Amino acid sequence: MVEVTLWGALGAAAGGKSKIDVEAKDIRELFRKLAEQYPGLEPHIERGIAVAIDGVIYRDTWSKELPQGSEIFLLPRLVGG
């Protein structure tokens, strides 16, 4: 189980929660379980969310594992190169 911190708009879509505990092994499973548990998050996930794991931002690395005890944040997807 990992603890995930949500930025403002995602927190509102998750019933006002700023942190959620989720049983997930990688980013793909995290997004799937979040969409199942909190349907209001699905449109945000479809538009694109960046995941920060211990300060490193992942945008399209859905197979990235979520290590236990890591600091995990869901952020608006950043545009740029």
N, C-alpha and C. Protein backbone atom coordinates (compact mmCIF):
# COMPACT_ATOMS: atom_id res chain seq x y z
N MET A 1 0.85 -1.17 0.00
CA MET A 1 0.00 0.00 0.00
C MET A 1 0.90 1.23 0.00
N VAL A 2 0.51 2.21 -0.80
CA VAL A 2 1.25 3.47 -0.87
C VAL A 2 0.31 4.62 -0.52
N GLU A 3 0.90 5.67 0.04
CA GLU A 3 0.13 6.88 0.33
C GLU A 3 0.41 7.87 -0.79
N VAL A 4 -0.67 8.41 -1.36
CA VAL A 4 -0.56 9.32 -2.50
C VAL A 4 -1.13 10.67 -2.09
N THR A 5 -0.37 11.74 -2.34
CA THR A 5 -0.82 13.09 -2.07
C THR A 5 -1.38 13.68 -3.36
N LEU A 6 -2.56 14.29 -3.28
CA LEU A 6 -3.26 14.83 -4.45
C LEU A 6 -3.17 16.35 -4.47
N TRP A 7 -2.94 16.93 -5.67
CA TRP A 7 -2.98 18.39 -5.79
C TRP A 7 -4.43 18.83 -5.73
N GLY A 8 -4.69 20.12 -5.54
CA GLY A 8 -6.01 20.68 -5.28
C GLY A 8 -7.17 20.14 -6.10
N ALA A 9 -7.09 20.20 -7.42
CA ALA A 9 -8.21 19.78 -8.27
C ALA A 9 -8.48 18.28 -8.11
N LEU A 10 -7.44 17.49 -7.94
CA LEU A 10 -7.65 16.05 -7.75
C LEU A 10 -8.26 15.77 -6.39
N GLY A 11 -7.84 16.51 -5.39
CA GLY A 11 -8.42 16.34 -4.06
C GLY A 11 -9.91 16.60 -4.06
N ALA A 12 -10.33 17.63 -4.76
CA ALA A 12 -11.76 17.94 -4.86
C ALA A 12 -12.51 16.81 -5.56
N ALA A 13 -11.91 16.21 -6.57
CA ALA A 13 -12.54 15.11 -7.31
C ALA A 13 -12.55 13.81 -6.50
N ALA A 14 -11.75 13.77 -5.44
CA ALA A 14 -11.69 12.58 -4.57
C ALA A 14 -12.43 12.84 -3.27
N GLY A 15 -13.46 13.67 -3.33
CA GLY A 15 -14.26 13.94 -2.15
C GLY A 15 -13.59 14.83 -1.12
N GLY A 16 -12.68 15.68 -1.57
CA GLY A 16 -12.03 16.62 -0.68
C GLY A 16 -10.81 16.06 0.05
N LYS A 17 -10.40 14.88 -0.32
CA LYS A 17 -9.23 14.27 0.33
C LYS A 17 -7.94 14.81 -0.26
N SER A 18 -6.94 15.01 0.58
CA SER A 18 -5.64 15.44 0.08
C SER A 18 -4.66 14.28 0.02
N LYS A 19 -4.96 13.20 0.74
CA LYS A 19 -4.11 12.00 0.72
C LYS A 19 -5.00 10.77 0.65
N ILE A 20 -4.52 9.78 -0.10
CA ILE A 20 -5.27 8.53 -0.29
C ILE A 20 -4.29 7.36 -0.18
N ASP A 21 -4.69 6.31 0.52
CA ASP A 21 -3.92 5.08 0.55
C ASP A 21 -4.45 4.15 -0.53
N VAL A 22 -3.55 3.62 -1.35
CA VAL A 22 -3.95 2.77 -2.48
C VAL A 22 -3.02 1.55 -2.53
N GLU A 23 -3.60 0.39 -2.76
CA GLU A 23 -2.82 -0.84 -2.96
C GLU A 23 -2.50 -0.94 -4.44
N ALA A 24 -1.26 -0.55 -4.82
CA ALA A 24 -0.86 -0.56 -6.23
C ALA A 24 0.64 -0.80 -6.31
N LYS A 25 1.04 -1.55 -7.34
CA LYS A 25 2.47 -1.86 -7.50
C LYS A 25 3.16 -0.94 -8.49
N ASP A 26 2.39 -0.34 -9.42
CA ASP A 26 2.99 0.56 -10.41
C ASP A 26 2.00 1.67 -10.75
N ILE A 27 2.45 2.62 -11.57
CA ILE A 27 1.62 3.78 -11.91
C ILE A 27 0.35 3.35 -12.64
N ARG A 28 0.45 2.40 -13.55
CA ARG A 28 -0.73 1.93 -14.29
C ARG A 28 -1.81 1.42 -13.33
N GLU A 29 -1.41 0.58 -12.39
CA GLU A 29 -2.37 0.04 -11.42
C GLU A 29 -2.90 1.14 -10.50
N LEU A 30 -2.06 2.09 -10.15
CA LEU A 30 -2.48 3.22 -9.33
C LEU A 30 -3.60 3.98 -10.02
N PHE A 31 -3.41 4.34 -11.29
CA PHE A 31 -4.44 5.08 -12.03
C PHE A 31 -5.72 4.27 -12.16
N ARG A 32 -5.60 2.97 -12.43
CA ARG A 32 -6.78 2.12 -12.58
C ARG A 32 -7.58 2.07 -11.27
N LYS A 33 -6.89 1.87 -10.16
CA LYS A 33 -7.58 1.77 -8.87
C LYS A 33 -8.17 3.11 -8.43
N LEU A 34 -7.46 4.19 -8.71
CA LEU A 34 -8.01 5.51 -8.38
C LEU A 34 -9.29 5.77 -9.16
N ALA A 35 -9.30 5.43 -10.44
CA ALA A 35 -10.50 5.64 -11.28
C ALA A 35 -11.66 4.77 -10.78
N GLU A 36 -11.36 3.56 -10.31
CA GLU A 36 -12.41 2.67 -9.78
C GLU A 36 -12.98 3.20 -8.47
N GLN A 37 -12.10 3.62 -7.57
CA GLN A 37 -12.51 4.05 -6.23
C GLN A 37 -13.08 5.47 -6.21
N TYR A 38 -12.61 6.31 -7.10
CA TYR A 38 -13.02 7.71 -7.16
C TYR A 38 -13.32 8.08 -8.61
N PRO A 39 -14.52 7.78 -9.10
CA PRO A 39 -14.86 8.03 -10.52
C PRO A 39 -14.63 9.48 -10.96
N GLY A 40 -14.70 10.42 -10.04
CA GLY A 40 -14.46 11.81 -10.38
C GLY A 40 -13.03 12.08 -10.82
N LEU A 41 -12.11 11.18 -10.50
CA LEU A 41 -10.72 11.34 -10.91
C LEU A 41 -10.46 10.92 -12.34
N GLU A 42 -11.32 10.08 -12.89
CA GLU A 42 -11.08 9.51 -14.22
C GLU A 42 -10.86 10.57 -15.31
N PRO A 43 -11.67 11.63 -15.38
CA PRO A 43 -11.41 12.64 -16.42
C PRO A 43 -10.03 13.29 -16.28
N HIS A 44 -9.57 13.48 -15.06
CA HIS A 44 -8.24 14.05 -14.85
C HIS A 44 -7.16 13.09 -15.32
N ILE A 45 -7.36 11.81 -15.01
CA ILE A 45 -6.39 10.79 -15.42
C ILE A 45 -6.31 10.71 -16.94
N GLU A 46 -7.46 10.77 -17.59
CA GLU A 46 -7.50 10.71 -19.06
C GLU A 46 -6.81 11.91 -19.70
N ARG A 47 -6.94 13.10 -19.08
CA ARG A 47 -6.28 14.30 -19.61
C ARG A 47 -4.78 14.26 -19.40
N GLY A 48 -4.35 13.55 -18.38
CA GLY A 48 -2.92 13.42 -18.11
C GLY A 48 -2.54 13.95 -16.75
N ILE A 49 -1.86 13.11 -16.01
CA ILE A 49 -1.38 13.46 -14.68
C ILE A 49 0.08 13.04 -14.61
N ALA A 50 0.90 13.88 -13.99
CA ALA A 50 2.29 13.51 -13.73
C ALA A 50 2.36 12.92 -12.33
N VAL A 51 3.25 11.97 -12.15
CA VAL A 51 3.44 11.34 -10.86
C VAL A 51 4.86 11.64 -10.39
N ALA A 52 4.99 12.20 -9.22
CA ALA A 52 6.31 12.44 -8.63
C ALA A 52 6.55 11.39 -7.57
N ILE A 53 7.64 10.65 -7.72
CA ILE A 53 8.03 9.63 -6.75
C ILE A 53 9.38 10.05 -6.19
N ASP A 54 9.39 10.38 -4.91
CA ASP A 54 10.61 10.85 -4.24
C ASP A 54 11.28 11.98 -5.02
N GLY A 55 10.47 12.90 -5.54
CA GLY A 55 10.99 14.08 -6.21
C GLY A 55 11.29 13.94 -7.69
N VAL A 56 11.16 12.74 -8.26
CA VAL A 56 11.39 12.51 -9.68
C VAL A 56 10.03 12.43 -10.37
N ILE A 57 9.83 13.24 -11.41
CA ILE A 57 8.54 13.31 -12.10
C ILE A 57 8.50 12.33 -13.27
N TYR A 58 7.41 11.56 -13.32
CA TYR A 58 7.16 10.59 -14.39
C TYR A 58 5.88 11.00 -15.11
N ARG A 59 5.95 11.09 -16.45
CA ARG A 59 4.77 11.50 -17.21
C ARG A 59 4.17 10.36 -18.01
N ASP A 60 4.94 9.51 -18.58
CA ASP A 60 4.42 8.43 -19.42
C ASP A 60 5.00 7.07 -19.07
N THR A 61 5.58 6.95 -17.91
CA THR A 61 6.23 5.71 -17.50
C THR A 61 5.26 4.91 -16.62
N TRP A 62 4.23 4.37 -17.25
CA TRP A 62 3.16 3.71 -16.50
C TRP A 62 3.61 2.44 -15.81
N SER A 63 4.71 1.85 -16.22
CA SER A 63 5.19 0.62 -15.60
C SER A 63 6.13 0.90 -14.42
N LYS A 64 6.37 2.16 -14.11
CA LYS A 64 7.26 2.52 -13.00
C LYS A 64 6.68 2.00 -11.69
N GLU A 65 7.48 1.23 -10.96
CA GLU A 65 7.05 0.68 -9.69
C GLU A 65 6.92 1.76 -8.63
N LEU A 66 6.02 1.53 -7.70
CA LEU A 66 5.79 2.44 -6.58
C LEU A 66 6.39 1.81 -5.33
N PRO A 67 7.60 2.19 -4.95
CA PRO A 67 8.25 1.60 -3.78
C PRO A 67 7.52 1.95 -2.49
N GLN A 68 7.40 0.97 -1.60
CA GLN A 68 6.80 1.21 -0.30
C GLN A 68 7.57 2.31 0.42
N GLY A 69 6.87 3.19 1.11
CA GLY A 69 7.51 4.25 1.87
C GLY A 69 7.95 5.45 1.06
N SER A 70 7.71 5.43 -0.25
CA SER A 70 8.09 6.56 -1.09
C SER A 70 7.12 7.72 -0.92
N GLU A 71 7.61 8.91 -1.22
CA GLU A 71 6.76 10.09 -1.23
C GLU A 71 6.18 10.19 -2.64
N ILE A 72 4.85 10.06 -2.77
CA ILE A 72 4.21 10.03 -4.08
C ILE A 72 3.19 11.16 -4.17
N PHE A 73 3.33 11.98 -5.22
CA PHE A 73 2.42 13.10 -5.47
C PHE A 73 1.84 12.96 -6.87
N LEU A 74 0.57 13.27 -7.02
CA LEU A 74 -0.06 13.39 -8.34
C LEU A 74 -0.18 14.87 -8.63
N LEU A 75 0.32 15.28 -9.81
CA LEU A 75 0.42 16.69 -10.18
C LEU A 75 -0.19 16.93 -11.54
N PRO A 76 -0.53 18.20 -11.85
CA PRO A 76 -0.95 18.49 -13.21
C PRO A 76 0.18 18.16 -14.17
N ARG A 77 -0.18 17.64 -15.31
CA ARG A 77 0.83 17.29 -16.31
C ARG A 77 1.49 18.56 -16.82
N LEU A 78 2.81 18.60 -16.78
CA LEU A 78 3.56 19.76 -17.21
C LEU A 78 3.83 19.70 -18.71
N VAL A 79 3.64 20.83 -19.37
CA VAL A 79 3.88 20.89 -20.81
C VAL A 79 5.29 21.42 -21.01
N GLY A 80 5.97 20.90 -21.99
CA GLY A 80 7.30 21.40 -22.28
C GLY A 80 8.21 20.29 -22.75
N GLY A 81 9.42 20.61 -23.00
CA GLY A 81 10.33 19.61 -23.52
C GLY A 81 11.62 19.64 -22.90
